C-alpha atoms as a PDB file:
ATOM      1  CA  UNK A   1    -101.513  77.204  -0.684  1.00  0.00           C
ATOM      2  CA  UNK A   2    -100.112  80.516  -0.112  1.00  0.00           C
ATOM      3  CA  UNK A   3     -97.854  81.168   2.749  1.00  0.00           C
ATOM      4  CA  UNK A   4     -95.951  84.203   4.095  1.00  0.00           C
ATOM      5  CA  UNK A   5     -94.545  84.557   7.279  1.00  0.00           C
ATOM      6  CA  UNK A   6     -92.467  87.770   8.045  1.00  0.00           C
ATOM      7  CA  UNK A   7     -89.532  87.836  11.027  1.00  0.00           C
ATOM      8  CA  UNK A   8     -88.598  90.919  12.706  1.00  0.00           C
ATOM      9  CA  UNK A   9     -84.863  91.111  13.730  1.00  0.00           C
ATOM     10  CA  UNK A  10     -83.463  93.858  16.132  1.00  0.00           C
ATOM     11  CA  UNK A  11     -80.473  94.362  13.367  1.00  0.00           C
ATOM     12  CA  UNK A  12     -79.456  96.216  10.401  1.00  0.00           C
ATOM     13  CA  UNK A  13     -79.870  94.319   6.977  1.00  0.00           C
ATOM     14  CA  UNK A  14     -76.097  93.540   6.687  1.00  0.00           C
ATOM     15  CA  UNK A  15     -75.992  92.105  10.164  1.00  0.00           C
ATOM     16  CA  UNK A  16     -79.160  89.746   9.435  1.00  0.00           C
ATOM     17  CA  UNK A  17     -77.326  88.865   5.816  1.00  0.00           C
ATOM     18  CA  UNK A  18     -74.399  87.867   8.088  1.00  0.00           C
ATOM     19  CA  UNK A  19     -76.183  86.153  10.369  1.00  0.00           C
ATOM     20  CA  UNK A  20     -77.869  83.804   7.558  1.00  0.00           C
ATOM     21  CA  UNK A  21     -74.883  83.112   5.920  1.00  0.00           C
ATOM     22  CA  UNK A  22     -73.517  81.739   9.337  1.00  0.00           C
ATOM     23  CA  UNK A  23     -73.419  78.084   8.931  1.00  0.00           C
ATOM     24  CA  UNK A  24     -73.513  78.280  13.410  1.00  0.00           C
ATOM     25  CA  UNK A  25     -76.624  79.543  12.805  1.00  0.00           C
ATOM     26  CA  UNK A  26     -77.965  77.770  10.323  1.00  0.00           C
ATOM     27  CA  UNK A  27     -77.698  74.846  12.629  1.00  0.00           C
ATOM     28  CA  UNK A  28     -79.107  77.058  15.288  1.00  0.00           C
ATOM     29  CA  UNK A  29     -82.677  77.968  13.398  1.00  0.00           C
ATOM     30  CA  UNK A  30     -82.908  74.122  12.465  1.00  0.00           C
ATOM     31  CA  UNK A  31     -83.142  73.217  15.890  1.00  0.00           C
ATOM     32  CA  UNK A  32     -85.495  76.206  16.658  1.00  0.00           C
ATOM     33  CA  UNK A  33     -87.801  74.704  14.280  1.00  0.00           C
ATOM     34  CA  UNK A  34     -87.662  71.334  15.981  1.00  0.00           C
ATOM     35  CA  UNK A  35     -85.428  69.552  13.763  1.00  0.00           C
ATOM     36  CA  UNK A  36     -81.871  68.002  13.544  1.00  0.00           C
ATOM     37  CA  UNK A  37     -79.652  69.249  11.000  1.00  0.00           C
ATOM     38  CA  UNK A  38     -78.008  66.698   8.813  1.00  0.00           C
ATOM     39  CA  UNK A  39     -76.159  68.933   6.732  1.00  0.00           C
ATOM     40  CA  UNK A  40     -75.311  72.736   5.879  1.00  0.00           C
ATOM     41  CA  UNK A  41     -73.619  74.322   3.212  1.00  0.00           C
ATOM     42  CA  UNK A  42     -72.946  77.984   2.579  1.00  0.00           C
ATOM     43  CA  UNK A  43     -71.634  79.125  -0.550  1.00  0.00           C
ATOM     44  CA  UNK A  44     -70.455  82.717  -0.935  1.00  0.00           C
ATOM     45  CA  UNK A  45     -70.753  85.018   1.840  1.00  0.00           C
ATOM     46  CA  UNK A  46     -72.879  88.050   3.126  1.00  0.00           C
ATOM     47  CA  UNK A  47     -71.055  90.867   0.978  1.00  0.00           C
ATOM     48  CA  UNK A  48     -72.238  89.793  -2.071  1.00  0.00           C
ATOM     49  CA  UNK A  49     -74.708  86.749  -3.370  1.00  0.00           C
ATOM     50  CA  UNK A  50     -74.764  83.575  -1.139  1.00  0.00           C
ATOM     51  CA  UNK A  51     -76.468  80.196  -1.056  1.00  0.00           C
ATOM     52  CA  UNK A  52     -77.821  78.696   1.896  1.00  0.00           C
ATOM     53  CA  UNK A  53     -78.454  74.932   1.651  1.00  0.00           C
ATOM     54  CA  UNK A  54     -79.614  72.673   5.252  1.00  0.00           C
ATOM     55  CA  UNK A  55     -80.868  69.337   5.141  1.00  0.00           C
ATOM     56  CA  UNK A  56     -82.969  68.620   7.994  1.00  0.00           C
ATOM     57  CA  UNK A  57     -85.102  65.936   9.754  1.00  0.00           C
ATOM     58  CA  UNK A  58     -88.405  66.617  11.488  1.00  0.00           C
ATOM     59  CA  UNK A  59     -90.395  65.145  13.716  1.00  0.00           C
ATOM     60  CA  UNK A  60     -93.988  64.677  11.963  1.00  0.00           C
ATOM     61  CA  UNK A  61     -95.965  65.551  15.431  1.00  0.00           C
ATOM     62  CA  UNK A  62     -97.388  68.602  13.840  1.00  0.00           C
ATOM     63  CA  UNK A  63     -98.653  66.643  10.301  1.00  0.00           C
ATOM     64  CA  UNK A  64    -102.994  65.013  11.077  1.00  0.00           C
ATOM     65  CA  UNK A  65    -102.419  61.645  11.733  1.00  0.00           C
ATOM     66  CA  UNK A  66    -104.348  60.077   9.151  1.00  0.00           C
ATOM     67  CA  UNK A  67    -101.793  61.995   6.888  1.00  0.00           C
ATOM     68  CA  UNK A  68     -99.379  60.982   9.091  1.00  0.00           C
ATOM     69  CA  UNK A  69     -99.755  56.875   7.901  1.00  0.00           C
ATOM     70  CA  UNK A  70     -98.170  58.073   4.747  1.00  0.00           C
ATOM     71  CA  UNK A  71     -95.132  59.929   6.008  1.00  0.00           C
ATOM     72  CA  UNK A  72     -93.602  58.431   8.860  1.00  0.00           C
ATOM     73  CA  UNK A  73     -92.068  59.493  12.095  1.00  0.00           C
ATOM     74  CA  UNK A  74     -89.814  61.948  10.175  1.00  0.00           C
ATOM     75  CA  UNK A  75     -89.522  64.148   7.339  1.00  0.00           C
ATOM     76  CA  UNK A  76     -85.988  64.375   5.062  1.00  0.00           C
ATOM     77  CA  UNK A  77     -86.504  68.053   4.575  1.00  0.00           C
ATOM     78  CA  UNK A  78     -83.868  70.319   2.238  1.00  0.00           C
ATOM     79  CA  UNK A  79     -84.325  74.118   2.022  1.00  0.00           C
ATOM     80  CA  UNK A  80     -82.411  76.417  -0.076  1.00  0.00           C
ATOM     81  CA  UNK A  81     -82.346  79.992   0.090  1.00  0.00           C
ATOM     82  CA  UNK A  82     -80.198  81.922  -2.841  1.00  0.00           C
ATOM     83  CA  UNK A  83     -79.691  85.397  -1.917  1.00  0.00           C
ATOM     84  CA  UNK A  84     -79.144  88.028  -4.455  1.00  0.00           C
ATOM     85  CA  UNK A  85     -76.127  90.675  -3.615  1.00  0.00           C
ATOM     86  CA  UNK A  86     -77.488  93.613  -1.676  1.00  0.00           C
ATOM     87  CA  UNK A  87     -78.885  96.493  -3.662  1.00  0.00           C
ATOM     88  CA  UNK A  88     -78.747  99.280  -1.055  1.00  0.00           C
ATOM     89  CA  UNK A  89     -80.020  98.425   2.056  1.00  0.00           C
ATOM     90  CA  UNK A  90     -82.602  95.468   0.636  1.00  0.00           C
ATOM     91  CA  UNK A  91     -81.761  91.679  -0.194  1.00  0.00           C
ATOM     92  CA  UNK A  92     -83.897  89.964  -2.185  1.00  0.00           C
ATOM     93  CA  UNK A  93     -83.920  86.121  -3.423  1.00  0.00           C
ATOM     94  CA  UNK A  94     -85.888  82.589  -3.755  1.00  0.00           C
ATOM     95  CA  UNK A  95     -86.374  79.666  -1.615  1.00  0.00           C
ATOM     96  CA  UNK A  96     -87.659  76.143  -2.653  1.00  0.00           C
ATOM     97  CA  UNK A  97     -88.237  73.491   0.306  1.00  0.00           C
ATOM     98  CA  UNK A  98     -88.605  69.781  -0.733  1.00  0.00           C
ATOM     99  CA  UNK A  99     -89.591  66.872   1.418  1.00  0.00           C
ATOM    100  CA  UNK A 100     -87.630  64.011   0.354  1.00  0.00           C
ATOM    101  CA  UNK A 101     -90.126  60.843  -0.555  1.00  0.00           C
ATOM    102  CA  UNK A 102     -93.302  63.091  -0.499  1.00  0.00           C
ATOM    103  CA  UNK A 103     -94.394  64.943  -3.466  1.00  0.00           C
ATOM    104  CA  UNK A 104     -94.769  68.374  -1.773  1.00  0.00           C
ATOM    105  CA  UNK A 105     -93.133  71.050  -2.127  1.00  0.00           C
ATOM    106  CA  UNK A 106     -93.058  74.998  -1.385  1.00  0.00           C
ATOM    107  CA  UNK A 107     -91.363  77.597  -3.826  1.00  0.00           C
ATOM    108  CA  UNK A 108     -91.079  81.266  -3.307  1.00  0.00           C
ATOM    109  CA  UNK A 109     -88.977  84.249  -2.584  1.00  0.00           C
ATOM    110  CA  UNK A 110     -87.444  85.750   0.236  1.00  0.00           C
ATOM    111  CA  UNK A 111     -86.821  89.224   1.202  1.00  0.00           C
ATOM    112  CA  UNK A 112     -84.692  91.232   3.816  1.00  0.00           C
ATOM    113  CA  UNK A 113     -85.639  94.954   4.211  1.00  0.00           C
ATOM    114  CA  UNK A 114     -84.930  97.531   6.651  1.00  0.00           C
ATOM    115  CA  UNK A 115     -88.281  98.205   8.434  1.00  0.00           C
ATOM    116  CA  UNK A 116     -87.870 101.832   8.828  1.00  0.00           C
ATOM    117  CA  UNK A 117     -87.962 101.807  12.605  1.00  0.00           C
ATOM    118  CA  UNK A 118     -86.104  99.571  14.810  1.00  0.00           C
ATOM    119  CA  UNK A 119     -84.613  96.802  12.323  1.00  0.00           C
ATOM    120  CA  UNK A 120     -84.668  94.363   9.425  1.00  0.00           C
ATOM    121  CA  UNK A 121     -87.981  92.602   8.145  1.00  0.00           C
ATOM    122  CA  UNK A 122     -87.398  89.015   6.694  1.00  0.00           C
ATOM    123  CA  UNK A 123     -90.391  87.689   4.530  1.00  0.00           C
ATOM    124  CA  UNK A 124     -91.084  84.318   2.918  1.00  0.00           C
ATOM    125  CA  UNK A 125     -93.453  84.090   0.641  1.00  0.00           C
ATOM    126  CA  UNK A 126     -94.385  81.083  -1.880  1.00  0.00           C
ATOM    127  CA  UNK A 127     -96.614  78.571  -2.677  1.00  0.00           C
ATOM    128  CA  UNK A 128     -96.852  74.761  -1.043  1.00  0.00           C
ATOM    129  CA  UNK A 129     -98.064  72.450  -3.515  1.00  0.00           C
ATOM    130  CA  UNK A 130     -98.809  69.004  -2.793  1.00  0.00           C
ATOM    131  CA  UNK A 131     -99.054  66.284  -5.923  1.00  0.00           C
ATOM    132  CA  UNK A 132    -101.066  63.761  -4.172  1.00  0.00           C
ATOM    133  CA  UNK A 133    -104.455  63.977  -6.197  1.00  0.00           C
ATOM    134  CA  UNK A 134    -106.719  62.736  -3.146  1.00  0.00           C
ATOM    135  CA  UNK A 135    -105.257  64.146  -0.165  1.00  0.00           C
ATOM    136  CA  UNK A 136    -103.516  67.305  -1.823  1.00  0.00           C
ATOM    137  CA  UNK A 137    -105.188  69.891   0.188  1.00  0.00           C
ATOM    138  CA  UNK A 138    -104.935  68.152   3.673  1.00  0.00           C
ATOM    139  CA  UNK A 139    -101.231  67.987   2.750  1.00  0.00           C
ATOM    140  CA  UNK A 140    -100.757  71.735   1.662  1.00  0.00           C
ATOM    141  CA  UNK A 141    -102.363  72.711   4.860  1.00  0.00           C
ATOM    142  CA  UNK A 142    -100.194  70.633   6.679  1.00  0.00           C
ATOM    143  CA  UNK A 143     -96.876  71.323   5.219  1.00  0.00           C
ATOM    144  CA  UNK A 144     -98.004  75.080   5.239  1.00  0.00           C
ATOM    145  CA  UNK A 145     -98.784  75.112   8.916  1.00  0.00           C
ATOM    146  CA  UNK A 146     -95.496  73.149   9.539  1.00  0.00           C
ATOM    147  CA  UNK A 147     -93.387  75.477   7.427  1.00  0.00           C
ATOM    148  CA  UNK A 148     -95.276  78.734   9.476  1.00  0.00           C
ATOM    149  CA  UNK A 149     -94.717  77.232  12.829  1.00  0.00           C
ATOM    150  CA  UNK A 150     -90.289  76.395  11.554  1.00  0.00           C
ATOM    151  CA  UNK A 151     -90.280  79.975  10.231  1.00  0.00           C
ATOM    152  CA  UNK A 152     -92.164  81.570  13.093  1.00  0.00           C
ATOM    153  CA  UNK A 153     -89.599  79.820  15.913  1.00  0.00           C
ATOM    154  CA  UNK A 154     -86.609  81.298  14.230  1.00  0.00           C
ATOM    155  CA  UNK A 155     -87.744  84.754  15.053  1.00  0.00           C
ATOM    156  CA  UNK A 156     -86.830  84.347  18.886  1.00  0.00           C
ATOM    157  CA  UNK A 157     -83.584  82.099  17.859  1.00  0.00           C
ATOM    158  CA  UNK A 158     -82.611  84.792  15.434  1.00  0.00           C
ATOM    159  CA  UNK A 159     -83.066  87.655  17.711  1.00  0.00           C
ATOM    160  CA  UNK A 160     -81.178  85.257  20.655  1.00  0.00           C
ATOM    161  CA  UNK A 161     -78.087  85.034  18.021  1.00  0.00           C
ATOM    162  CA  UNK A 162     -78.203  88.462  17.039  1.00  0.00           C
ATOM    163  CA  UNK A 163     -77.925  89.592  21.037  1.00  0.00           C
ATOM    164  CA  UNK A 164     -75.052  87.283  21.434  1.00  0.00           C
ATOM    165  CA  UNK A 165     -73.294  88.467  18.108  1.00  0.00           C
ATOM    166  CA  UNK A 166     -74.354  92.170  17.492  1.00  0.00           C
ATOM    167  CA  UNK A 167     -72.179  93.165  14.643  1.00  0.00           C
ATOM    168  CA  UNK A 168     -72.663  90.224  12.234  1.00  0.00           C
ATOM    169  CA  UNK A 169     -69.510  88.426  13.893  1.00  0.00           C
ATOM    170  CA  UNK A 170     -69.627  84.870  12.815  1.00  0.00           C
ATOM    171  CA  UNK A 171     -68.822  81.734  14.526  1.00  0.00           C
END
């Protein structure tokens, strides 16, 4: 199942990239999605290529009850974003989201570009695949909704963060 989410930020591309590469923001964005951060690792920095890896525990309340029986009350989710070095006023990267103990995976691309008006647009686009023959489509749909919801929650969290750290200053 294809998922695409656009997040809009009132800041420049370099400032949003600095936010994305800040471990303190990593914890904030995980919490905004209703999860608990178990691990956050940043390799590199926003001046060049960088990779953000998060492991989080998410409640399964957004998953239909008939599927929840298979996964329990929480999910361990690992997300890896590998950002390339900037190319002009744009960034590109890849994203992988895996659910531990479940045959569900999202693979896709990320982009961060100037929107031409007020700031930057961060786009996630990818395919959610579930390797479960009988319930695959239902699991993919539930996972896609959970991913979309978590990412959309990050937009407000990100804009709040940017209001407190206007020039990409890190904590």
